[in-house]
Amino acid sequence: MVDAKRWDEALRVAERAAHRAGRLALRGWRAGGEISKKGRFDLLTEYDLASERSIREELARAFPDHRIVGEEGADTGDGDLVWYVDPIDGTTNFVHGHFFFAVSIALYRGSEGLVGVVYAPALGITWKAAKGRGAFRNDEPCSVSDREKLEEALCATGFPYDRWTNPDNNVAELAFFLERAQGVRRCGAAAIDLCLVGDGTYDVYWEKALNAWDMCAGALVVLEAGGRVTGYDGKPADPRTGKLIATNGLLHDIAVRAVGEARHKVPRAGS
């Protein structure tokens, strides 16, 4: 019970920090501003930086003994309780005025998710979860879908930034699912994709080459909503490792087999 109360308080702080950062980001959405590149495609805006500063300040004030790992800044603190922060997941969407971007904040102890909040300010939606407390969409309990057939499933995925030069670029997997699923979506924000599995919108989501801050909050939402999250090999996933499959559970083994079969066709593909 003591831990449960701690996670409830951590969830309240994370949600407050996410909303504050989201409001800040909305000031720059469709308003222009300074844009730079961290790579050939990976964009960075002044609002990413300002949003992360805001989140770090709030978390550090409430939990000075916790570690903070963010996309845009250096790691701070130490200890086994770690916050993973993505100030704007879907920066490319944000820059282009697309609605699908989110603030993602998660608290983990090793590979164990404790608290997760994903706030999509342009959509007006907050997904959140705490260990053992269930998952919520705008404060209403949410759960995964009950679809059992891949041909009836709505799936989602994303693509790595090196997709033009790396043959292991998810194209083979996409082709496989396009031929077998009812539909495949590419939203451009992994945190939102995962939450859409958690609230029953999507049935299957897979992606590789992700970072901990992309996945940790959304993965906890899926699990607390009754779904399943593993690596591509079907083994329990550490959401910090960059590659996962998230489903409603009923379609999980089918999705793992599908990804595996597709990846056999990828030249020099990784595991």
Protein backbone atom coordinates (compact mmCIF):
# COMPACT_ATOMS: atom_id res chain seq x y z
CA MET A 1 0.00 0.00 0.00
CA VAL A 2 2.87 2.37 0.75
CA ASP A 3 4.26 1.90 -2.76
CA ALA A 4 0.81 2.34 -4.30
CA LYS A 5 0.44 5.70 -2.58
CA ARG A 6 3.90 6.71 -3.81
CA TRP A 7 2.96 5.87 -7.39
CA ASP A 8 -0.33 7.75 -7.09
CA GLU A 9 1.56 10.87 -6.01
CA ALA A 10 4.15 10.36 -8.75
CA LEU A 11 1.33 10.06 -11.29
CA ARG A 12 -0.22 13.33 -10.13
CA VAL A 13 3.11 15.13 -10.46
CA ALA A 14 3.80 13.59 -13.88
CA GLU A 15 0.36 14.54 -15.18
CA ARG A 16 0.76 18.10 -13.92
CA ALA A 17 4.21 18.35 -15.52
CA ALA A 18 2.94 16.91 -18.82
CA HIS A 19 0.03 19.35 -19.01
CA ARG A 20 2.26 22.30 -18.21
CA ALA A 21 4.75 21.26 -20.89
CA GLY A 22 1.96 20.54 -23.36
CA ARG A 23 0.49 24.01 -22.93
CA LEU A 24 3.93 25.44 -23.55
CA ALA A 25 4.32 23.37 -26.73
CA LEU A 26 0.92 24.50 -28.01
CA ARG A 27 2.16 28.09 -28.04
CA GLY A 28 4.59 27.09 -30.76
CA TRP A 29 2.40 24.67 -32.68
CA ARG A 30 1.59 26.13 -36.11
CA ALA A 31 3.27 29.36 -34.98
CA GLY A 32 6.71 28.89 -36.50
CA GLY A 33 9.92 29.20 -34.52
CA GLU A 34 13.51 28.05 -34.61
CA ILE A 35 14.10 24.57 -36.04
CA SER A 36 17.38 22.66 -36.18
CA LYS A 37 18.43 19.12 -37.10
CA LYS A 38 19.96 16.45 -34.88
CA GLY A 39 20.41 14.21 -37.92
CA ARG A 40 19.28 13.95 -41.51
CA PHE A 41 15.61 13.76 -40.51
CA ASP A 42 15.51 14.17 -36.72
CA LEU A 43 14.27 17.67 -35.95
CA LEU A 44 14.65 19.81 -32.85
CA THR A 45 12.70 22.95 -31.95
CA GLU A 46 12.98 25.55 -29.22
CA TYR A 47 9.74 24.12 -27.82
CA ASP A 48 11.30 20.67 -27.35
CA LEU A 49 13.97 22.32 -25.22
CA ALA A 50 11.61 24.57 -23.29
CA SER A 51 9.16 21.71 -22.67
CA GLU A 52 11.87 19.44 -21.32
CA ARG A 53 13.24 22.17 -19.05
CA SER A 54 9.76 22.65 -17.63
CA ILE A 55 9.30 18.93 -16.97
CA ARG A 56 12.73 18.51 -15.41
CA GLU A 57 12.10 21.42 -13.05
CA GLU A 58 8.80 19.97 -11.87
CA LEU A 59 10.12 16.44 -11.39
CA ALA A 60 13.31 17.55 -9.66
CA ARG A 61 11.34 19.73 -7.29
CA ALA A 62 9.00 16.89 -6.29
CA PHE A 63 11.52 14.02 -6.39
CA PRO A 64 15.05 15.35 -5.86
CA ASP A 65 16.38 11.82 -5.25
CA HIS A 66 15.18 10.46 -8.61
CA ARG A 67 17.18 10.20 -11.81
CA ILE A 68 15.91 11.99 -14.93
CA VAL A 69 16.69 10.81 -18.47
CA GLY A 70 15.37 13.05 -21.23
CA GLU A 71 15.67 13.18 -24.98
CA GLU A 72 17.15 16.67 -25.17
CA GLY A 73 19.24 17.05 -22.00
CA ALA A 74 21.96 15.29 -20.02
CA ASP A 75 20.97 12.68 -17.45
CA THR A 76 20.66 14.04 -13.93
CA GLY A 77 20.50 12.40 -10.52
CA ASP A 78 21.10 8.78 -9.62
CA GLY A 79 19.36 5.87 -7.94
CA ASP A 80 17.10 3.11 -9.16
CA LEU A 81 14.00 5.26 -9.77
CA VAL A 82 14.29 6.83 -13.20
CA TRP A 83 12.06 9.26 -15.08
CA TYR A 84 12.08 8.95 -18.89
CA VAL A 85 11.00 12.18 -20.55
CA ASP A 86 10.13 12.98 -24.15
CA PRO A 87 9.10 16.66 -24.26
CA ILE A 88 7.59 16.39 -27.75
CA ASP A 89 7.23 12.90 -29.15
CA GLY A 90 6.48 13.44 -32.84
CA THR A 91 8.54 16.57 -33.41
CA THR A 92 8.27 16.18 -37.19
CA ASN A 93 4.48 16.20 -36.85
CA PHE A 94 4.72 19.22 -34.56
CA VAL A 95 6.87 21.15 -37.04
CA HIS A 96 4.45 20.41 -39.89
CA GLY A 97 1.37 21.40 -37.91
CA HIS A 98 0.13 17.83 -37.55
CA PHE A 99 -2.07 17.05 -34.53
CA PHE A 100 -0.27 13.86 -33.50
CA PHE A 101 2.45 14.86 -31.05
CA ALA A 102 2.64 14.28 -27.32
CA VAL A 103 4.47 14.83 -24.08
CA SER A 104 5.56 11.47 -22.65
CA ILE A 105 6.71 10.98 -19.04
CA ALA A 106 7.34 7.66 -17.30
CA LEU A 107 8.79 6.48 -14.01
CA TYR A 108 10.58 3.12 -14.02
CA ARG A 109 12.54 0.98 -11.60
CA GLY A 110 14.79 -1.06 -13.85
CA SER A 111 12.50 -2.55 -16.50
CA GLU A 112 9.43 -2.24 -14.24
CA GLY A 113 7.01 0.51 -15.19
CA LEU A 114 5.54 2.40 -12.25
CA VAL A 115 3.91 5.51 -13.71
CA GLY A 116 3.21 6.71 -17.24
CA VAL A 117 1.55 9.81 -18.71
CA VAL A 118 1.13 10.67 -22.38
CA TYR A 119 -0.52 14.02 -23.10
CA ALA A 120 -1.46 14.94 -26.67
CA PRO A 121 -2.29 18.66 -26.30
CA ALA A 122 -3.54 19.30 -29.84
CA LEU A 123 -5.94 16.36 -29.46
CA GLY A 124 -6.95 17.23 -25.91
CA ILE A 125 -6.26 13.69 -24.73
CA THR A 126 -4.35 12.39 -21.72
CA TRP A 127 -3.54 8.72 -21.29
CA LYS A 128 -2.12 7.63 -17.97
CA ALA A 129 -1.38 4.54 -15.89
CA ALA A 130 0.17 3.54 -12.59
CA LYS A 131 1.31 0.07 -11.64
CA GLY A 132 -1.64 -1.96 -10.41
CA ARG A 133 -4.05 0.95 -10.89
CA GLY A 134 -5.23 0.39 -14.48
CA ALA A 135 -5.09 2.67 -17.50
CA PHE A 136 -7.13 5.78 -18.24
CA ARG A 137 -8.02 7.97 -21.19
CA ASN A 138 -9.10 11.43 -20.04
CA ASP A 139 -9.78 9.99 -16.58
CA GLU A 140 -12.07 7.25 -17.94
CA PRO A 141 -10.84 3.64 -17.57
CA CYS A 142 -9.69 2.17 -20.85
CA SER A 143 -8.85 -1.32 -22.02
CA VAL A 144 -7.49 -3.10 -25.05
CA SER A 145 -9.70 -4.46 -27.83
CA ASP A 146 -11.09 -7.98 -28.05
CA ARG A 147 -10.35 -8.62 -31.74
CA GLU A 148 -8.82 -12.02 -32.41
CA LYS A 149 -8.31 -12.10 -36.18
CA LEU A 150 -5.52 -10.26 -37.97
CA GLU A 151 -7.75 -9.59 -40.96
CA GLU A 152 -10.02 -7.58 -38.63
CA ALA A 153 -7.18 -5.76 -36.89
CA LEU A 154 -6.13 -2.14 -37.18
CA CYS A 155 -2.37 -2.02 -36.78
CA ALA A 156 0.22 0.72 -36.43
CA THR A 157 3.96 1.09 -36.89
CA GLY A 158 6.74 3.58 -37.53
CA PHE A 159 10.05 3.78 -39.36
CA PRO A 160 13.65 4.46 -38.31
CA TYR A 161 15.44 7.65 -39.31
CA ASP A 162 18.04 5.65 -41.30
CA ARG A 163 15.38 3.99 -43.45
CA TRP A 164 16.92 5.31 -46.71
CA THR A 165 20.26 3.59 -46.11
CA ASN A 166 19.51 0.64 -43.80
CA PRO A 167 17.81 -2.39 -45.38
CA ASP A 168 16.41 -3.27 -41.94
CA ASN A 169 13.93 -0.42 -42.28
CA ASN A 170 10.55 -2.04 -41.46
CA VAL A 171 9.42 -2.03 -45.10
CA ALA A 172 9.21 -5.84 -45.27
CA GLU A 173 7.18 -5.97 -42.08
CA LEU A 174 4.84 -3.26 -43.35
CA ALA A 175 4.25 -5.10 -46.62
CA PHE A 176 3.43 -8.29 -44.71
CA PHE A 177 0.83 -6.59 -42.51
CA LEU A 178 -0.67 -4.58 -45.38
CA GLU A 179 -1.50 -7.86 -47.11
CA ARG A 180 -3.06 -9.48 -44.04
CA ALA A 181 -4.52 -6.86 -41.67
CA GLN A 182 -7.62 -4.74 -42.09
CA GLY A 183 -5.48 -1.62 -42.00
CA VAL A 184 -2.11 -0.18 -41.02
CA ARG A 185 -1.57 3.35 -39.73
CA ARG A 186 1.60 5.39 -39.38
CA CYS A 187 0.91 8.13 -36.85
CA GLY A 188 4.45 9.39 -36.31
CA ALA A 189 4.45 9.39 -32.49
CA ALA A 190 5.28 6.10 -30.79
CA ALA A 191 3.88 7.21 -27.44
CA ILE A 192 0.46 7.87 -28.99
CA ASP A 193 0.58 4.64 -31.01
CA LEU A 194 1.10 2.63 -27.84
CA CYS A 195 -1.69 4.42 -26.02
CA LEU A 196 -4.04 3.75 -28.91
CA VAL A 197 -3.38 0.05 -28.37
CA GLY A 198 -4.14 0.59 -24.70
CA ASP A 199 -7.49 2.26 -25.34
CA GLY A 200 -8.62 -0.31 -27.91
CA THR A 201 -8.21 1.80 -31.05
CA TYR A 202 -5.31 -0.21 -32.44
CA ASP A 203 -4.96 -3.96 -32.01
CA VAL A 204 -1.28 -4.34 -32.89
CA TYR A 205 1.70 -1.99 -32.87
CA TRP A 206 5.30 -2.83 -33.69
CA GLU A 207 8.41 -0.70 -34.18
CA LYS A 208 12.19 -0.80 -33.86
CA ALA A 209 14.97 1.76 -33.30
CA LEU A 210 13.06 3.56 -30.55
CA ASN A 211 14.39 5.14 -27.38
CA ALA A 212 13.28 4.63 -23.79
CA TRP A 213 11.56 8.01 -23.67
CA ASP A 214 9.51 7.08 -26.75
CA MET A 215 8.18 3.84 -25.31
CA CYS A 216 8.17 3.67 -21.53
CA ALA A 217 4.97 5.60 -20.74
CA GLY A 218 2.90 4.09 -23.55
CA ALA A 219 4.10 0.56 -22.81
CA LEU A 220 2.83 0.85 -19.24
CA VAL A 221 -0.54 2.10 -20.51
CA VAL A 222 -0.81 -1.00 -22.71
CA LEU A 223 0.05 -3.37 -19.87
CA GLU A 224 -2.28 -1.73 -17.37
CA ALA A 225 -5.06 -1.78 -19.99
CA GLY A 226 -4.76 -5.56 -20.23
CA GLY A 227 -2.51 -5.79 -23.27
CA ARG A 228 0.80 -7.48 -23.87
CA VAL A 229 4.22 -6.04 -24.68
CA THR A 230 7.24 -8.09 -25.80
CA GLY A 231 10.31 -7.92 -27.95
CA TYR A 232 10.26 -9.12 -31.53
CA ASP A 233 11.13 -12.59 -30.22
CA GLY A 234 7.98 -12.76 -28.09
CA LYS A 235 9.93 -12.64 -24.83
CA PRO A 236 9.08 -10.09 -22.12
CA ALA A 237 10.26 -6.71 -23.29
CA ASP A 238 12.32 -4.09 -21.57
CA PRO A 239 10.76 -0.92 -23.04
CA ARG A 240 14.15 0.77 -22.79
CA THR A 241 15.77 -1.46 -25.42
CA GLY A 242 14.39 0.04 -28.64
CA LYS A 243 12.26 -2.69 -30.20
CA LEU A 244 8.82 -3.96 -29.24
CA ILE A 245 5.48 -5.43 -30.22
CA ALA A 246 2.40 -4.28 -28.30
CA THR A 247 -1.01 -5.86 -28.79
CA ASN A 248 -4.35 -6.55 -27.20
CA GLY A 249 -2.90 -9.90 -26.10
CA LEU A 250 -5.26 -12.00 -28.18
CA LEU A 251 -3.33 -11.19 -31.35
CA HIS A 252 0.11 -11.20 -29.82
CA ASP A 253 1.42 -14.58 -30.90
CA ILE A 254 0.09 -13.96 -34.40
CA ALA A 255 1.81 -10.58 -34.53
CA VAL A 256 5.12 -11.99 -33.29
CA ARG A 257 5.02 -14.73 -35.95
CA ALA A 258 4.11 -12.18 -38.63
CA VAL A 259 6.99 -9.87 -37.75
CA GLY A 260 9.38 -12.80 -37.60
CA GLU A 261 8.28 -14.19 -40.95
CA ALA A 262 8.59 -10.79 -42.61
CA ARG A 263 12.04 -10.18 -41.15
CA HIS A 264 13.39 -13.38 -42.68
CA LYS A 265 13.23 -11.51 -45.99
CA VAL A 266 15.29 -8.53 -44.79
CA PRO A 267 18.90 -8.48 -46.04
CA ARG A 268 21.36 -8.42 -43.12
CA ALA A 269 18.45 -7.86 -40.70
CA GLY A 270 19.12 -7.77 -36.97
CA SER A 271 17.31 -9.99 -34.53
